[in-house]
Amino acid sequence: MSADFARTPKGRLAGVIFWSRWLLLPIYLGLIVVQGVYAWKFLSQLYKLLANLTSLTEIEIMLTVLGLIDVVMIANLLLMVTVGGYETFVSRLRVEQHPDQPEWLDHVNASVLKVKLSMAIISISSIHLLQTFINAGQLPEHTIKWQLFLHLAFLVSAAVIAYTDKLLHVAHAKASH
C-alpha cells in the first residue's frame, strides 16, 4: 500500500480491515490448546484400555479403539483447521524448507481447506457410525436412524462442496485461457 493511499480515509479503512485478520490469532492459539486437551484425552483412554485389558470384552476393546481413532481424527481436523486456516487467512507460515512440512500446505486455499475438512468430518462421522452399529443393541432405534441420516447429510454436503469446487476450477481455467 502506498504512503499516499494510507493517508486517505479509504486507505486507512482498508488497512484496518486487512489488519483485522490478526484477530484470528487467539482463536488459532486456542485450537492448539484444544489439541493438547485431545492429546491428554487420547493418553488417558489408552492408559485406561491398557490398565483394564484383561477384564474387557472384545467388543469393549473394539469400542475403545474406535474411540481412540475418533480422538486422532478430531486432532487431525484441528491441525488442518489451525495450520490451513492460519496459512490461508492470517499469514504465511514460511515453512517451505522444513522437512516435515505437510504436502498439502503448499497448495492450501479456502477451497482446498473446505474439501479436506468435509472429508475429515465424514471420516469422524464414519467412526461414530461404526461405534453405533457395534453397540446397536444398547441404543434406541431412532438414535441409530438419526446418526445414519446425519452421516448421509455429511456425505451429500461433501459431494456438493466438491462439485462446486470443480465447477469453480473449470470456470477459472476457462477464464485464464
N, C-alpha and C. Protein backbone atom coordinates (compact mmCIF):
# COMPACT_ATOMS: atom_id res chain seq x y z
N MET A 1 0.86 -1.16 0.00
CA MET A 1 0.00 0.00 0.00
C MET A 1 0.90 1.23 0.00
N SER A 2 0.63 2.16 -0.89
CA SER A 2 1.48 3.35 -0.97
C SER A 2 1.19 4.28 0.20
N ALA A 3 2.15 5.15 0.49
CA ALA A 3 2.01 6.07 1.62
C ALA A 3 0.85 7.04 1.40
N ASP A 4 0.65 7.49 0.15
CA ASP A 4 -0.46 8.41 -0.15
C ASP A 4 -1.80 7.74 0.08
N PHE A 5 -1.92 6.49 -0.33
CA PHE A 5 -3.18 5.77 -0.17
C PHE A 5 -3.50 5.57 1.31
N ALA A 6 -2.46 5.30 2.14
CA ALA A 6 -2.66 5.06 3.57
C ALA A 6 -3.15 6.31 4.29
N ARG A 7 -2.95 7.49 3.72
CA ARG A 7 -3.38 8.73 4.37
C ARG A 7 -4.85 9.04 4.10
N THR A 8 -5.44 8.41 3.14
CA THR A 8 -6.84 8.68 2.82
C THR A 8 -7.74 7.87 3.75
N PRO A 9 -8.97 8.34 3.99
CA PRO A 9 -9.88 7.55 4.83
C PRO A 9 -10.11 6.14 4.27
N LYS A 10 -10.25 6.04 2.97
CA LYS A 10 -10.45 4.73 2.35
C LYS A 10 -9.23 3.84 2.57
N GLY A 11 -8.04 4.42 2.48
CA GLY A 11 -6.81 3.67 2.69
C GLY A 11 -6.66 3.21 4.13
N ARG A 12 -7.02 4.10 5.07
CA ARG A 12 -6.95 3.72 6.49
C ARG A 12 -7.95 2.60 6.80
N LEU A 13 -9.15 2.72 6.23
CA LEU A 13 -10.17 1.67 6.44
C LEU A 13 -9.68 0.34 5.88
N ALA A 14 -9.09 0.38 4.69
CA ALA A 14 -8.54 -0.85 4.09
C ALA A 14 -7.45 -1.44 4.98
N GLY A 15 -6.63 -0.58 5.56
CA GLY A 15 -5.57 -1.05 6.46
C GLY A 15 -6.14 -1.71 7.71
N VAL A 16 -7.18 -1.12 8.29
CA VAL A 16 -7.81 -1.71 9.48
C VAL A 16 -8.45 -3.05 9.13
N ILE A 17 -9.14 -3.10 8.00
CA ILE A 17 -9.77 -4.35 7.58
C ILE A 17 -8.71 -5.42 7.35
N PHE A 18 -7.62 -5.07 6.68
CA PHE A 18 -6.56 -6.04 6.43
C PHE A 18 -5.91 -6.47 7.74
N TRP A 19 -5.69 -5.55 8.66
CA TRP A 19 -5.10 -5.88 9.96
C TRP A 19 -6.01 -6.79 10.77
N SER A 20 -7.32 -6.71 10.59
CA SER A 20 -8.27 -7.47 11.41
C SER A 20 -8.07 -8.98 11.30
N ARG A 21 -7.37 -9.43 10.28
CA ARG A 21 -7.10 -10.87 10.17
C ARG A 21 -6.35 -11.38 11.38
N TRP A 22 -5.58 -10.52 12.04
CA TRP A 22 -4.81 -10.92 13.22
C TRP A 22 -5.71 -11.21 14.42
N LEU A 23 -6.98 -10.82 14.35
CA LEU A 23 -7.92 -11.17 15.42
C LEU A 23 -8.18 -12.68 15.44
N LEU A 24 -7.83 -13.36 14.37
CA LEU A 24 -7.96 -14.82 14.32
C LEU A 24 -6.86 -15.52 15.12
N LEU A 25 -5.77 -14.82 15.39
CA LEU A 25 -4.63 -15.45 16.08
C LEU A 25 -5.01 -16.08 17.42
N PRO A 26 -5.73 -15.39 18.32
CA PRO A 26 -6.08 -16.06 19.58
C PRO A 26 -6.98 -17.27 19.36
N ILE A 27 -7.77 -17.25 18.32
CA ILE A 27 -8.63 -18.40 18.01
C ILE A 27 -7.78 -19.60 17.62
N TYR A 28 -6.79 -19.38 16.74
CA TYR A 28 -5.91 -20.48 16.34
C TYR A 28 -5.05 -20.96 17.51
N LEU A 29 -4.60 -20.05 18.36
CA LEU A 29 -3.85 -20.47 19.56
C LEU A 29 -4.75 -21.29 20.48
N GLY A 30 -6.03 -20.91 20.58
CA GLY A 30 -6.98 -21.69 21.37
C GLY A 30 -7.16 -23.09 20.82
N LEU A 31 -7.16 -23.22 19.49
CA LEU A 31 -7.27 -24.55 18.88
C LEU A 31 -6.05 -25.40 19.21
N ILE A 32 -4.89 -24.77 19.34
CA ILE A 32 -3.69 -25.52 19.74
C ILE A 32 -3.86 -26.05 21.17
N VAL A 33 -4.45 -25.24 22.05
CA VAL A 33 -4.74 -25.69 23.42
C VAL A 33 -5.71 -26.87 23.37
N VAL A 34 -6.73 -26.77 22.53
CA VAL A 34 -7.71 -27.86 22.40
C VAL A 34 -7.02 -29.13 21.90
N GLN A 35 -6.04 -28.98 21.02
CA GLN A 35 -5.27 -30.16 20.57
C GLN A 35 -4.57 -30.81 21.75
N GLY A 36 -4.05 -30.00 22.65
CA GLY A 36 -3.44 -30.54 23.86
C GLY A 36 -4.46 -31.30 24.70
N VAL A 37 -5.68 -30.78 24.77
CA VAL A 37 -6.75 -31.47 25.50
C VAL A 37 -7.01 -32.84 24.87
N TYR A 38 -7.06 -32.89 23.54
CA TYR A 38 -7.30 -34.16 22.86
C TYR A 38 -6.12 -35.12 23.02
N ALA A 39 -4.89 -34.60 23.07
CA ALA A 39 -3.73 -35.46 23.33
C ALA A 39 -3.86 -36.08 24.72
N TRP A 40 -4.27 -35.27 25.70
CA TRP A 40 -4.48 -35.77 27.06
C TRP A 40 -5.59 -36.82 27.06
N LYS A 41 -6.69 -36.55 26.37
CA LYS A 41 -7.82 -37.48 26.29
C LYS A 41 -7.37 -38.80 25.69
N PHE A 42 -6.58 -38.75 24.62
CA PHE A 42 -6.08 -39.95 23.97
C PHE A 42 -5.24 -40.78 24.95
N LEU A 43 -4.27 -40.12 25.59
CA LEU A 43 -3.38 -40.83 26.52
C LEU A 43 -4.16 -41.40 27.70
N SER A 44 -5.16 -40.66 28.18
CA SER A 44 -5.99 -41.13 29.29
C SER A 44 -6.78 -42.37 28.89
N GLN A 45 -7.40 -42.34 27.70
CA GLN A 45 -8.16 -43.51 27.22
C GLN A 45 -7.24 -44.70 26.95
N LEU A 46 -6.06 -44.43 26.41
CA LEU A 46 -5.10 -45.50 26.16
C LEU A 46 -4.66 -46.15 27.47
N TYR A 47 -4.37 -45.33 28.48
CA TYR A 47 -3.98 -45.86 29.79
C TYR A 47 -5.10 -46.72 30.37
N LYS A 48 -6.34 -46.23 30.28
CA LYS A 48 -7.48 -46.97 30.81
C LYS A 48 -7.64 -48.31 30.08
N LEU A 49 -7.43 -48.31 28.77
CA LEU A 49 -7.51 -49.54 27.98
C LEU A 49 -6.46 -50.54 28.45
N LEU A 50 -5.23 -50.08 28.56
CA LEU A 50 -4.14 -50.97 28.95
C LEU A 50 -4.30 -51.46 30.39
N ALA A 51 -4.78 -50.59 31.27
CA ALA A 51 -4.93 -50.98 32.68
C ALA A 51 -6.04 -52.02 32.87
N ASN A 52 -7.05 -52.00 32.02
CA ASN A 52 -8.19 -52.91 32.16
C ASN A 52 -8.24 -53.98 31.07
N LEU A 53 -7.17 -54.17 30.38
CA LEU A 53 -7.14 -55.05 29.21
C LEU A 53 -7.64 -56.47 29.52
N THR A 54 -7.27 -57.02 30.64
CA THR A 54 -7.65 -58.40 30.94
C THR A 54 -9.13 -58.56 31.27
N SER A 55 -9.78 -57.49 31.71
CA SER A 55 -11.19 -57.60 32.08
C SER A 55 -12.16 -57.12 31.00
N LEU A 56 -11.65 -56.59 29.91
CA LEU A 56 -12.51 -56.06 28.85
C LEU A 56 -12.89 -57.14 27.85
N THR A 57 -14.11 -57.05 27.33
CA THR A 57 -14.54 -57.96 26.27
C THR A 57 -13.98 -57.46 24.94
N GLU A 58 -14.08 -58.30 23.93
CA GLU A 58 -13.59 -57.91 22.61
C GLU A 58 -14.35 -56.69 22.09
N ILE A 59 -15.64 -56.64 22.32
CA ILE A 59 -16.45 -55.50 21.85
C ILE A 59 -16.05 -54.23 22.61
N GLU A 60 -15.80 -54.33 23.90
CA GLU A 60 -15.37 -53.16 24.67
C GLU A 60 -14.01 -52.65 24.18
N ILE A 61 -13.12 -53.58 23.86
CA ILE A 61 -11.81 -53.19 23.31
C ILE A 61 -12.00 -52.49 21.96
N MET A 62 -12.85 -53.09 21.11
CA MET A 62 -13.09 -52.50 19.80
C MET A 62 -13.69 -51.10 19.92
N LEU A 63 -14.65 -50.92 20.82
CA LEU A 63 -15.27 -49.61 21.02
C LEU A 63 -14.26 -48.60 21.56
N THR A 64 -13.37 -49.05 22.45
CA THR A 64 -12.33 -48.16 22.98
C THR A 64 -11.35 -47.77 21.88
N VAL A 65 -10.95 -48.74 21.06
CA VAL A 65 -10.03 -48.44 19.96
C VAL A 65 -10.68 -47.47 18.97
N LEU A 66 -11.96 -47.67 18.67
CA LEU A 66 -12.66 -46.73 17.79
C LEU A 66 -12.73 -45.34 18.43
N GLY A 67 -12.88 -45.30 19.76
CA GLY A 67 -12.85 -44.01 20.46
C GLY A 67 -11.49 -43.34 20.32
N LEU A 68 -10.42 -44.14 20.39
CA LEU A 68 -9.06 -43.60 20.21
C LEU A 68 -8.88 -43.07 18.79
N ILE A 69 -9.37 -43.82 17.82
CA ILE A 69 -9.27 -43.38 16.42
C ILE A 69 -10.07 -42.09 16.24
N ASP A 70 -11.22 -42.00 16.87
CA ASP A 70 -12.04 -40.79 16.81
C ASP A 70 -11.28 -39.59 17.34
N VAL A 71 -10.58 -39.76 18.47
CA VAL A 71 -9.79 -38.67 19.04
C VAL A 71 -8.69 -38.26 18.05
N VAL A 72 -8.04 -39.23 17.43
CA VAL A 72 -6.99 -38.93 16.44
C VAL A 72 -7.57 -38.16 15.26
N MET A 73 -8.74 -38.59 14.76
CA MET A 73 -9.35 -37.91 13.62
C MET A 73 -9.72 -36.47 13.96
N ILE A 74 -10.24 -36.26 15.16
CA ILE A 74 -10.59 -34.89 15.57
C ILE A 74 -9.33 -34.06 15.73
N ALA A 75 -8.25 -34.65 16.28
CA ALA A 75 -6.98 -33.92 16.40
C ALA A 75 -6.44 -33.56 15.02
N ASN A 76 -6.56 -34.48 14.05
CA ASN A 76 -6.13 -34.17 12.68
C ASN A 76 -6.95 -33.02 12.10
N LEU A 77 -8.26 -33.04 12.35
CA LEU A 77 -9.13 -31.97 11.89
C LEU A 77 -8.70 -30.64 12.50
N LEU A 78 -8.41 -30.65 13.81
CA LEU A 78 -7.95 -29.43 14.47
C LEU A 78 -6.65 -28.92 13.84
N LEU A 79 -5.74 -29.84 13.54
CA LEU A 79 -4.47 -29.45 12.93
C LEU A 79 -4.70 -28.82 11.55
N MET A 80 -5.57 -29.44 10.75
CA MET A 80 -5.86 -28.88 9.42
C MET A 80 -6.46 -27.48 9.53
N VAL A 81 -7.39 -27.31 10.46
CA VAL A 81 -8.03 -26.00 10.62
C VAL A 81 -7.01 -24.98 11.11
N THR A 82 -6.20 -25.37 12.08
CA THR A 82 -5.23 -24.43 12.65
C THR A 82 -4.18 -24.03 11.62
N VAL A 83 -3.50 -25.00 11.06
CA VAL A 83 -2.41 -24.71 10.12
C VAL A 83 -2.96 -24.13 8.81
N GLY A 84 -3.95 -24.81 8.24
CA GLY A 84 -4.50 -24.34 6.97
C GLY A 84 -5.20 -23.01 7.09
N GLY A 85 -5.96 -22.82 8.17
CA GLY A 85 -6.66 -21.56 8.36
C GLY A 85 -5.69 -20.41 8.59
N TYR A 86 -4.69 -20.62 9.42
CA TYR A 86 -3.69 -19.57 9.67
C TYR A 86 -2.99 -19.20 8.36
N GLU A 87 -2.56 -20.23 7.62
CA GLU A 87 -1.85 -20.01 6.36
C GLU A 87 -2.75 -19.29 5.34
N THR A 88 -4.02 -19.63 5.32
CA THR A 88 -4.93 -19.06 4.33
C THR A 88 -5.42 -17.67 4.70
N PHE A 89 -5.74 -17.46 5.98
CA PHE A 89 -6.44 -16.24 6.35
C PHE A 89 -5.62 -15.24 7.15
N VAL A 90 -4.50 -15.66 7.76
CA VAL A 90 -3.75 -14.73 8.61
C VAL A 90 -2.41 -14.37 7.97
N SER A 91 -1.50 -15.34 7.88
CA SER A 91 -0.16 -15.04 7.40
C SER A 91 0.51 -16.33 6.95
N ARG A 92 1.45 -16.22 6.07
CA ARG A 92 2.21 -17.38 5.61
C ARG A 92 3.06 -17.91 6.76
N LEU A 93 3.16 -19.23 6.86
CA LEU A 93 3.97 -19.85 7.89
C LEU A 93 5.45 -19.89 7.50
N ARG A 94 5.74 -19.83 6.22
CA ARG A 94 7.10 -19.85 5.69
C ARG A 94 7.89 -21.06 6.19
N VAL A 95 7.33 -22.24 5.97
CA VAL A 95 8.00 -23.48 6.36
C VAL A 95 8.36 -24.32 5.13
N GLU A 96 8.48 -23.67 3.98
CA GLU A 96 8.73 -24.38 2.72
C GLU A 96 9.97 -25.27 2.78
N GLN A 97 10.99 -24.84 3.50
CA GLN A 97 12.24 -25.60 3.55
C GLN A 97 12.25 -26.64 4.67
N HIS A 98 11.21 -26.65 5.50
CA HIS A 98 11.18 -27.59 6.62
C HIS A 98 10.89 -28.99 6.10
N PRO A 99 11.67 -29.99 6.53
CA PRO A 99 11.47 -31.36 6.00
C PRO A 99 10.13 -31.98 6.41
N ASP A 100 9.50 -31.46 7.45
CA ASP A 100 8.23 -32.03 7.92
C ASP A 100 7.01 -31.25 7.44
N GLN A 101 7.21 -30.30 6.52
CA GLN A 101 6.06 -29.54 6.02
C GLN A 101 5.06 -30.49 5.39
N PRO A 102 3.78 -30.41 5.80
CA PRO A 102 2.77 -31.28 5.16
C PRO A 102 2.68 -30.98 3.66
N GLU A 103 2.52 -32.03 2.87
CA GLU A 103 2.46 -31.89 1.42
C GLU A 103 1.35 -30.95 0.98
N TRP A 104 0.21 -31.02 1.65
CA TRP A 104 -0.95 -30.24 1.24
C TRP A 104 -0.80 -28.75 1.53
N LEU A 105 0.14 -28.37 2.39
CA LEU A 105 0.25 -26.98 2.81
C LEU A 105 0.70 -26.06 1.68
N ASP A 106 1.49 -26.58 0.73
CA ASP A 106 1.99 -25.71 -0.34
C ASP A 106 0.91 -25.32 -1.34
N HIS A 107 -0.25 -25.96 -1.33
CA HIS A 107 -1.33 -25.57 -2.23
C HIS A 107 -2.66 -25.39 -1.50
N VAL A 108 -2.57 -24.99 -0.23
CA VAL A 108 -3.79 -24.81 0.55
C VAL A 108 -4.42 -23.46 0.22
N ASN A 109 -5.73 -23.48 0.10
CA ASN A 109 -6.52 -22.27 -0.02
C ASN A 109 -7.87 -22.57 0.60
N ALA A 110 -8.76 -21.60 0.63
CA ALA A 110 -10.05 -21.80 1.30
C ALA A 110 -10.82 -22.95 0.67
N SER A 111 -10.73 -23.11 -0.63
CA SER A 111 -11.46 -24.17 -1.32
C SER A 111 -10.92 -25.55 -0.96
N VAL A 112 -9.61 -25.71 -1.00
CA VAL A 112 -8.98 -26.98 -0.64
C VAL A 112 -9.27 -27.30 0.82
N LEU A 113 -9.21 -26.29 1.67
CA LEU A 113 -9.48 -26.49 3.09
C LEU A 113 -10.90 -26.98 3.33
N LYS A 114 -11.87 -26.41 2.60
CA LYS A 114 -13.27 -26.86 2.75
C LYS A 114 -13.42 -28.32 2.39
N VAL A 115 -12.82 -28.74 1.28
CA VAL A 115 -12.93 -30.14 0.86
C VAL A 115 -12.25 -31.05 1.86
N LYS A 116 -11.05 -30.68 2.31
CA LYS A 116 -10.33 -31.51 3.29
C LYS A 116 -11.12 -31.61 4.61
N LEU A 117 -11.69 -30.51 5.04
CA LEU A 117 -12.47 -30.52 6.28
C LEU A 117 -13.72 -31.38 6.14
N SER A 118 -14.38 -31.28 5.00
CA SER A 118 -15.59 -32.10 4.83
C SER A 118 -15.24 -33.58 4.81
N MET A 119 -14.12 -33.94 4.21
CA MET A 119 -13.70 -35.34 4.21
C MET A 119 -13.34 -35.80 5.63
N ALA A 120 -12.70 -34.93 6.40
CA ALA A 120 -12.37 -35.28 7.78
C ALA A 120 -13.64 -35.46 8.62
N ILE A 121 -14.63 -34.61 8.41
CA ILE A 121 -15.89 -34.73 9.15
C ILE A 121 -16.59 -36.03 8.78
N ILE A 122 -16.55 -36.41 7.51
CA ILE A 122 -17.14 -37.69 7.09
C ILE A 122 -16.41 -38.85 7.76
N SER A 123 -15.09 -38.77 7.83
CA SER A 123 -14.32 -39.83 8.49
C SER A 123 -14.68 -39.95 9.96
N ILE A 124 -14.81 -38.82 10.64
CA ILE A 124 -15.19 -38.83 12.05
C ILE A 124 -16.59 -39.40 12.21
N SER A 125 -17.50 -38.97 11.35
CA SER A 125 -18.87 -39.48 11.39
C SER A 125 -18.90 -40.98 11.13
N SER A 126 -18.05 -41.46 10.24
CA SER A 126 -17.98 -42.90 9.95
C SER A 126 -17.56 -43.69 11.19
N ILE A 127 -16.59 -43.16 11.93
CA ILE A 127 -16.14 -43.83 13.16
C ILE A 127 -17.29 -43.89 14.16
N HIS A 128 -18.00 -42.77 14.31
CA HIS A 128 -19.14 -42.74 15.24
C HIS A 128 -20.22 -43.73 14.80
N LEU A 129 -20.47 -43.80 13.50
CA LEU A 129 -21.49 -44.72 12.99
C LEU A 129 -21.07 -46.17 13.21
N LEU A 130 -19.80 -46.47 13.02
CA LEU A 130 -19.31 -47.82 13.28
C LEU A 130 -19.46 -48.17 14.76
N GLN A 131 -19.14 -47.22 15.64
CA GLN A 131 -19.35 -47.45 17.08
C GLN A 131 -20.83 -47.72 17.36
N THR A 132 -21.70 -46.97 16.72
CA THR A 132 -23.14 -47.15 16.91
C THR A 132 -23.59 -48.52 16.46
N PHE A 133 -23.12 -48.96 15.30
CA PHE A 133 -23.53 -50.28 14.79
C PHE A 133 -23.00 -51.40 15.67
N ILE A 134 -21.79 -51.26 16.18
CA ILE A 134 -21.23 -52.28 17.07
C ILE A 134 -22.04 -52.34 18.37
N ASN A 135 -22.50 -51.19 18.81
CA ASN A 135 -23.22 -51.08 20.08
C ASN A 135 -24.73 -50.95 19.86
N ALA A 136 -25.23 -51.37 18.71
CA ALA A 136 -26.63 -51.16 18.33
C ALA A 136 -27.62 -51.76 19.32
N GLY A 137 -27.28 -52.86 19.96
CA GLY A 137 -28.20 -53.50 20.90
C GLY A 137 -28.50 -52.64 22.12
N GLN A 138 -27.62 -51.70 22.44
CA GLN A 138 -27.80 -50.85 23.62
C GLN A 138 -28.40 -49.49 23.28
N LEU A 139 -28.68 -49.23 22.01
CA LEU A 139 -29.16 -47.91 21.60
C LEU A 139 -30.57 -47.97 21.04
N PRO A 140 -31.35 -46.92 21.27
CA PRO A 140 -32.69 -46.88 20.67
C PRO A 140 -32.60 -46.76 19.14
N GLU A 141 -33.57 -47.32 18.47
CA GLU A 141 -33.57 -47.33 17.00
C GLU A 141 -33.55 -45.92 16.42
N HIS A 142 -34.28 -45.00 17.04
CA HIS A 142 -34.32 -43.64 16.49
C HIS A 142 -32.95 -42.96 16.56
N THR A 143 -32.13 -43.29 17.56
CA THR A 143 -30.78 -42.74 17.65
C THR A 143 -29.93 -43.23 16.48
N ILE A 144 -30.04 -44.50 16.17
CA ILE A 144 -29.29 -45.08 15.06
C ILE A 144 -29.73 -44.45 13.74
N LYS A 145 -31.04 -44.29 13.56
CA LYS A 145 -31.56 -43.69 12.33
C LYS A 145 -31.07 -42.25 12.17
N TRP A 146 -31.09 -41.47 13.27
CA TRP A 146 -30.63 -40.09 13.18
C TRP A 146 -29.14 -40.00 12.87
N GLN A 147 -28.35 -40.88 13.47
CA GLN A 147 -26.91 -40.87 13.16
C GLN A 147 -26.66 -41.22 11.70
N LEU A 148 -27.40 -42.20 11.20
CA LEU A 148 -27.27 -42.56 9.79
C LEU A 148 -27.71 -41.42 8.89
N PHE A 149 -28.81 -40.76 9.23
CA PHE A 149 -29.29 -39.63 8.46
C PHE A 149 -28.26 -38.50 8.44
N LEU A 150 -27.68 -38.18 9.60
CA LEU A 150 -26.66 -37.13 9.66
C LEU A 150 -25.43 -37.49 8.85
N HIS A 151 -25.03 -38.76 8.91
CA HIS A 151 -23.88 -39.20 8.12
C HIS A 151 -24.15 -39.02 6.63
N LEU A 152 -25.34 -39.42 6.21
CA LEU A 152 -25.71 -39.24 4.80
C LEU A 152 -25.75 -37.76 4.42
N ALA A 153 -26.22 -36.92 5.33
CA ALA A 153 -26.23 -35.48 5.07
C ALA A 153 -24.80 -34.96 4.91
N PHE A 154 -23.87 -35.45 5.74
CA PHE A 154 -22.46 -35.05 5.59
C PHE A 154 -21.92 -35.49 4.23
N LEU A 155 -22.27 -36.71 3.80
CA LEU A 155 -21.81 -37.21 2.50
C LEU A 155 -22.34 -36.35 1.36
N VAL A 156 -23.62 -36.03 1.40
CA VAL A 156 -24.22 -35.21 0.35
C VAL A 156 -23.59 -33.81 0.35
N SER A 157 -23.41 -33.25 1.54
CA SER A 157 -22.78 -31.92 1.65
C SER A 157 -21.38 -31.93 1.06
N ALA A 158 -20.60 -32.95 1.38
CA ALA A 158 -19.23 -33.04 0.85
C ALA A 158 -19.25 -33.18 -0.67
N ALA A 159 -20.18 -33.96 -1.19
CA ALA A 159 -20.28 -34.12 -2.64
C ALA A 159 -20.64 -32.78 -3.30
N VAL A 160 -21.54 -32.04 -2.70
CA VAL A 160 -21.92 -30.73 -3.26
C VAL A 160 -20.74 -29.76 -3.19
N ILE A 161 -20.01 -29.76 -2.06
CA ILE A 161 -18.84 -28.89 -1.93
C ILE A 161 -17.79 -29.25 -2.98
N ALA A 162 -17.52 -30.54 -3.15
CA ALA A 162 -16.52 -30.98 -4.14
C ALA A 162 -16.97 -30.62 -5.56
N TYR A 163 -18.25 -30.80 -5.86
CA TYR A 163 -18.77 -30.47 -7.20
C TYR A 163 -18.69 -28.97 -7.44
N THR A 164 -19.07 -28.18 -6.46
CA THR A 164 -18.98 -26.72 -6.58
C THR A 164 -17.54 -26.30 -6.79
N ASP A 165 -16.64 -26.91 -6.05
CA ASP A 165 -15.22 -26.61 -6.21
C ASP A 165 -14.74 -26.94 -7.62
N LYS A 166 -15.21 -28.08 -8.14
CA LYS A 166 -14.84 -28.47 -9.51
C LYS A 166 -15.36 -27.45 -10.52
N LEU A 167 -16.60 -27.01 -10.34
CA LEU A 167 -17.18 -26.00 -11.24
C LEU A 167 -16.38 -24.71 -11.20
N LEU A 168 -15.96 -24.30 -10.01
CA LEU A 168 -15.16 -23.07 -9.89
C LEU A 168 -13.82 -23.21 -10.58
N HIS A 169 -13.19 -24.39 -10.46
CA HIS A 169 -11.90 -24.61 -11.13
C HIS A 169 -12.05 -24.60 -12.64
N VAL A 170 -13.12 -25.22 -13.15
CA VAL A 170 -13.36 -25.22 -14.59
C VAL A 170 -13.60 -23.79 -15.08
N ALA A 171 -14.42 -23.03 -14.36
CA ALA A 171 -14.68 -21.63 -14.75
C ALA A 171 -13.42 -20.81 -14.69
N HIS A 172 -12.59 -21.02 -13.66
CA HIS A 172 -11.34 -20.28 -13.54
C HIS A 172 -10.37 -20.65 -14.67
N ALA A 173 -10.32 -21.94 -15.02
CA ALA A 173 -9.43 -22.39 -16.11
C ALA A 173 -9.88 -21.77 -17.44
N LYS A 174 -11.18 -21.72 -17.68
CA LYS A 174 -11.69 -21.11 -18.92
C LYS A 174 -11.39 -19.62 -18.97
N ALA A 175 -11.50 -18.94 -17.83
CA ALA A 175 -11.24 -17.51 -17.78
C ALA A 175 -9.75 -17.22 -18.00
N SER A 176 -8.87 -18.13 -17.62
CA SER A 176 -7.43 -17.92 -17.79
C SER A 176 -6.99 -18.09 -19.23
N HIS A 177 -7.76 -18.84 -20.01
CA HIS A 177 -7.33 -19.10 -21.40
C HIS A 177 -7.82 -18.06 -22.31
